[in-house]
């Protein structure tokens, strides 16, 4: 079980680096700066499941093989539930 958790953490951290780089590249393409860039980066990383609060929800959505609107709805509810639990 510990190996599985460690493997998942490595997978998410590796994915997070690539997703962050991808989001930064897309923001640069759009020539965003300041608040617009911050907003774009936050949404981009959230959509990619990079933000810590979204990592567990993204894993659950992947396990359930959700995509599109179903995934968006699940992610929204899951992150709201996680925030309420804090």
N, C-alpha and C. Protein backbone atom coordinates (compact mmCIF):
# COMPACT_ATOMS: atom_id res chain seq x y z
N UNK A 1 0.82 -1.18 0.00
CA UNK A 1 0.00 0.00 0.00
C UNK A 1 0.88 1.26 0.00
N UNK A 2 1.95 1.23 0.80
CA UNK A 2 2.84 2.39 0.86
C UNK A 2 3.51 2.62 -0.49
N UNK A 3 3.82 1.52 -1.19
CA UNK A 3 4.45 1.66 -2.51
C UNK A 3 3.49 2.30 -3.49
N UNK A 4 2.21 1.92 -3.41
CA UNK A 4 1.19 2.48 -4.30
C UNK A 4 1.05 3.97 -4.06
N UNK A 5 1.00 4.37 -2.81
CA UNK A 5 0.87 5.79 -2.47
C UNK A 5 2.10 6.56 -2.96
N UNK A 6 3.27 6.00 -2.75
CA UNK A 6 4.50 6.65 -3.21
C UNK A 6 4.49 6.79 -4.72
N UNK A 7 4.06 5.75 -5.42
CA UNK A 7 3.99 5.79 -6.87
C UNK A 7 3.01 6.86 -7.34
N UNK A 8 1.87 6.95 -6.69
CA UNK A 8 0.89 7.98 -7.07
C UNK A 8 1.44 9.38 -6.83
N UNK A 9 2.13 9.58 -5.73
CA UNK A 9 2.71 10.89 -5.45
C UNK A 9 3.75 11.27 -6.50
N UNK A 10 4.57 10.33 -6.90
CA UNK A 10 5.57 10.60 -7.93
C UNK A 10 4.88 10.91 -9.26
N UNK A 11 3.85 10.15 -9.58
CA UNK A 11 3.13 10.37 -10.84
C UNK A 11 2.49 11.75 -10.85
N UNK A 12 1.86 12.14 -9.74
CA UNK A 12 1.22 13.46 -9.69
C UNK A 12 2.24 14.58 -9.72
N UNK A 13 3.35 14.41 -9.03
CA UNK A 13 4.34 15.48 -9.02
C UNK A 13 4.98 15.63 -10.38
N UNK A 14 5.24 14.54 -11.07
CA UNK A 14 5.79 14.60 -12.42
C UNK A 14 4.79 15.24 -13.37
N UNK A 15 3.55 14.83 -13.27
CA UNK A 15 2.49 15.42 -14.10
C UNK A 15 2.31 16.89 -13.81
N UNK A 16 2.48 17.27 -12.54
CA UNK A 16 2.31 18.66 -12.14
C UNK A 16 3.36 19.54 -12.81
N UNK A 17 4.58 19.05 -12.90
CA UNK A 17 5.65 19.83 -13.53
C UNK A 17 5.34 20.05 -15.00
N UNK A 18 4.94 19.00 -15.69
CA UNK A 18 4.63 19.14 -17.11
C UNK A 18 3.40 20.02 -17.32
N UNK A 19 2.38 19.85 -16.50
CA UNK A 19 1.18 20.66 -16.65
C UNK A 19 1.47 22.12 -16.38
N UNK A 20 2.28 22.40 -15.36
CA UNK A 20 2.63 23.79 -15.05
C UNK A 20 3.41 24.40 -16.19
N UNK A 21 4.34 23.64 -16.77
CA UNK A 21 5.10 24.14 -17.92
C UNK A 21 4.19 24.40 -19.10
N UNK A 22 3.23 23.49 -19.33
CA UNK A 22 2.30 23.64 -20.43
C UNK A 22 1.42 24.87 -20.23
N UNK A 23 0.95 25.07 -19.02
CA UNK A 23 0.11 26.23 -18.72
C UNK A 23 0.90 27.52 -18.91
N UNK A 24 2.14 27.52 -18.45
CA UNK A 24 2.98 28.72 -18.61
C UNK A 24 3.23 29.01 -20.08
N UNK A 25 3.45 27.97 -20.87
CA UNK A 25 3.68 28.17 -22.30
C UNK A 25 2.43 28.72 -22.98
N UNK A 26 1.27 28.20 -22.59
CA UNK A 26 0.02 28.67 -23.19
C UNK A 26 -0.25 30.12 -22.78
N UNK A 27 0.08 30.48 -21.54
CA UNK A 27 -0.10 31.87 -21.09
C UNK A 27 0.82 32.80 -21.87
N UNK A 28 2.04 32.34 -22.12
CA UNK A 28 2.99 33.15 -22.90
C UNK A 28 2.52 33.32 -24.34
N UNK A 29 1.95 32.26 -24.92
CA UNK A 29 1.40 32.34 -26.28
C UNK A 29 0.32 33.41 -26.36
N UNK A 30 -0.50 33.46 -25.32
CA UNK A 30 -1.61 34.42 -25.30
C UNK A 30 -1.16 35.80 -24.84
N UNK A 31 0.12 35.92 -24.48
CA UNK A 31 0.70 37.18 -24.02
C UNK A 31 -0.05 37.75 -22.83
N UNK A 32 -0.36 36.86 -21.87
CA UNK A 32 -1.05 37.29 -20.66
C UNK A 32 -0.06 37.80 -19.63
N UNK A 33 -0.51 38.74 -18.82
CA UNK A 33 0.33 39.29 -17.75
C UNK A 33 -0.55 39.70 -16.59
N UNK A 34 0.05 39.82 -15.42
CA UNK A 34 -0.66 40.31 -14.24
C UNK A 34 -1.79 39.40 -13.79
N UNK A 35 -2.90 40.03 -13.45
CA UNK A 35 -4.05 39.30 -12.92
C UNK A 35 -4.63 38.32 -13.94
N UNK A 36 -4.62 38.69 -15.20
CA UNK A 36 -5.14 37.80 -16.24
C UNK A 36 -4.31 36.52 -16.32
N UNK A 37 -2.99 36.67 -16.20
CA UNK A 37 -2.10 35.50 -16.24
C UNK A 37 -2.33 34.64 -15.00
N UNK A 38 -2.43 35.26 -13.83
CA UNK A 38 -2.66 34.51 -12.60
C UNK A 38 -3.96 33.72 -12.66
N UNK A 39 -5.01 34.36 -13.13
CA UNK A 39 -6.30 33.70 -13.26
C UNK A 39 -6.23 32.54 -14.25
N UNK A 40 -5.59 32.78 -15.38
CA UNK A 40 -5.45 31.73 -16.39
C UNK A 40 -4.65 30.55 -15.84
N UNK A 41 -3.54 30.84 -15.16
CA UNK A 41 -2.69 29.78 -14.63
C UNK A 41 -3.45 28.95 -13.59
N UNK A 42 -4.19 29.61 -12.72
CA UNK A 42 -4.95 28.90 -11.69
C UNK A 42 -5.98 27.97 -12.33
N UNK A 43 -6.72 28.48 -13.33
CA UNK A 43 -7.73 27.66 -13.99
C UNK A 43 -7.09 26.53 -14.78
N UNK A 44 -6.00 26.84 -15.48
CA UNK A 44 -5.31 25.83 -16.27
C UNK A 44 -4.80 24.70 -15.39
N UNK A 45 -4.18 25.04 -14.28
CA UNK A 45 -3.64 24.03 -13.37
C UNK A 45 -4.77 23.25 -12.69
N UNK A 46 -5.86 23.93 -12.38
CA UNK A 46 -7.00 23.23 -11.78
C UNK A 46 -7.59 22.24 -12.77
N UNK A 47 -7.72 22.66 -14.03
CA UNK A 47 -8.25 21.77 -15.07
C UNK A 47 -7.35 20.57 -15.27
N UNK A 48 -6.05 20.77 -15.10
CA UNK A 48 -5.10 19.68 -15.27
C UNK A 48 -5.00 18.82 -14.01
N UNK A 49 -5.65 19.26 -12.93
CA UNK A 49 -5.60 18.49 -11.69
C UNK A 49 -4.29 18.65 -10.96
N UNK A 50 -3.63 19.75 -11.17
CA UNK A 50 -2.31 19.97 -10.58
C UNK A 50 -2.40 20.52 -9.17
N UNK A 51 -3.36 21.35 -8.90
CA UNK A 51 -3.47 21.96 -7.58
C UNK A 51 -3.67 20.88 -6.53
N UNK A 52 -3.04 21.02 -5.38
CA UNK A 52 -3.11 19.97 -4.35
C UNK A 52 -4.52 19.55 -3.98
N UNK A 53 -5.42 20.53 -3.88
CA UNK A 53 -6.78 20.18 -3.51
C UNK A 53 -7.50 19.40 -4.62
N UNK A 54 -6.99 19.49 -5.83
CA UNK A 54 -7.61 18.79 -6.95
C UNK A 54 -6.98 17.44 -7.24
N UNK A 55 -5.82 17.15 -6.68
CA UNK A 55 -5.10 15.93 -7.01
C UNK A 55 -5.92 14.69 -6.65
N UNK A 56 -6.47 14.65 -5.46
CA UNK A 56 -7.25 13.49 -5.05
C UNK A 56 -8.51 13.37 -5.90
N UNK A 57 -9.15 14.49 -6.17
CA UNK A 57 -10.36 14.47 -6.99
C UNK A 57 -10.06 14.03 -8.42
N UNK A 58 -8.94 14.49 -8.95
CA UNK A 58 -8.55 14.10 -10.31
C UNK A 58 -8.29 12.60 -10.38
N UNK A 59 -7.68 12.06 -9.33
CA UNK A 59 -7.42 10.62 -9.31
C UNK A 59 -8.73 9.84 -9.27
N UNK A 60 -9.68 10.32 -8.47
CA UNK A 60 -10.98 9.65 -8.40
C UNK A 60 -11.71 9.72 -9.74
N UNK A 61 -11.65 10.88 -10.39
CA UNK A 61 -12.30 11.04 -11.69
C UNK A 61 -11.68 10.12 -12.72
N UNK A 62 -10.36 9.96 -12.65
CA UNK A 62 -9.68 9.08 -13.59
C UNK A 62 -10.07 7.63 -13.34
N UNK A 63 -10.15 7.25 -12.05
CA UNK A 63 -10.57 5.89 -11.71
C UNK A 63 -11.97 5.58 -12.23
N UNK A 64 -12.82 6.60 -12.17
CA UNK A 64 -14.20 6.43 -12.64
C UNK A 64 -14.32 6.60 -14.16
N UNK A 65 -13.18 6.94 -14.80
CA UNK A 65 -13.12 7.13 -16.24
C UNK A 65 -14.10 8.20 -16.73
N UNK A 66 -14.14 9.31 -15.98
CA UNK A 66 -15.02 10.41 -16.35
C UNK A 66 -14.33 11.32 -17.35
N UNK A 67 -15.11 11.95 -18.20
CA UNK A 67 -14.58 12.90 -19.17
C UNK A 67 -15.64 13.95 -19.47
N UNK A 68 -15.20 15.06 -20.01
CA UNK A 68 -16.11 16.11 -20.44
C UNK A 68 -16.91 16.71 -19.30
N UNK A 69 -18.20 16.92 -19.57
CA UNK A 69 -19.08 17.57 -18.60
C UNK A 69 -19.21 16.76 -17.31
N UNK A 70 -19.23 15.45 -17.43
CA UNK A 70 -19.33 14.61 -16.23
C UNK A 70 -18.12 14.80 -15.33
N UNK A 71 -16.94 14.89 -15.93
CA UNK A 71 -15.72 15.10 -15.14
C UNK A 71 -15.73 16.48 -14.50
N UNK A 72 -16.12 17.50 -15.27
CA UNK A 72 -16.18 18.86 -14.74
C UNK A 72 -17.13 18.94 -13.56
N UNK A 73 -18.29 18.35 -13.69
CA UNK A 73 -19.27 18.36 -12.61
C UNK A 73 -18.74 17.63 -11.38
N UNK A 74 -18.14 16.47 -11.60
CA UNK A 74 -17.58 15.69 -10.50
C UNK A 74 -16.46 16.47 -9.81
N UNK A 75 -15.57 17.07 -10.58
CA UNK A 75 -14.45 17.81 -10.01
C UNK A 75 -14.94 19.00 -9.18
N UNK A 76 -15.94 19.70 -9.68
CA UNK A 76 -16.48 20.85 -8.97
C UNK A 76 -17.06 20.43 -7.62
N UNK A 77 -17.85 19.36 -7.61
CA UNK A 77 -18.46 18.87 -6.38
C UNK A 77 -17.39 18.32 -5.43
N UNK A 78 -16.46 17.57 -5.96
CA UNK A 78 -15.41 16.96 -5.15
C UNK A 78 -14.55 18.01 -4.47
N UNK A 79 -14.14 19.04 -5.20
CA UNK A 79 -13.30 20.07 -4.61
C UNK A 79 -14.09 20.90 -3.60
N UNK A 80 -15.37 21.13 -3.86
CA UNK A 80 -16.20 21.86 -2.91
C UNK A 80 -16.36 21.05 -1.62
N UNK A 81 -16.57 19.75 -1.76
CA UNK A 81 -16.68 18.88 -0.58
C UNK A 81 -15.37 18.86 0.21
N UNK A 82 -14.25 18.84 -0.51
CA UNK A 82 -12.93 18.83 0.15
C UNK A 82 -12.69 20.13 0.89
N UNK A 83 -13.10 21.25 0.30
CA UNK A 83 -12.93 22.56 0.94
C UNK A 83 -13.82 22.67 2.17
N UNK A 84 -15.02 22.11 2.10
CA UNK A 84 -15.95 22.16 3.23
C UNK A 84 -15.45 21.30 4.38
N UNK A 85 -14.72 20.23 4.05
CA UNK A 85 -14.20 19.32 5.08
C UNK A 85 -13.04 19.92 5.85
N UNK A 86 -12.38 20.95 5.29
CA UNK A 86 -11.22 21.57 5.96
C UNK A 86 -11.66 22.33 7.14
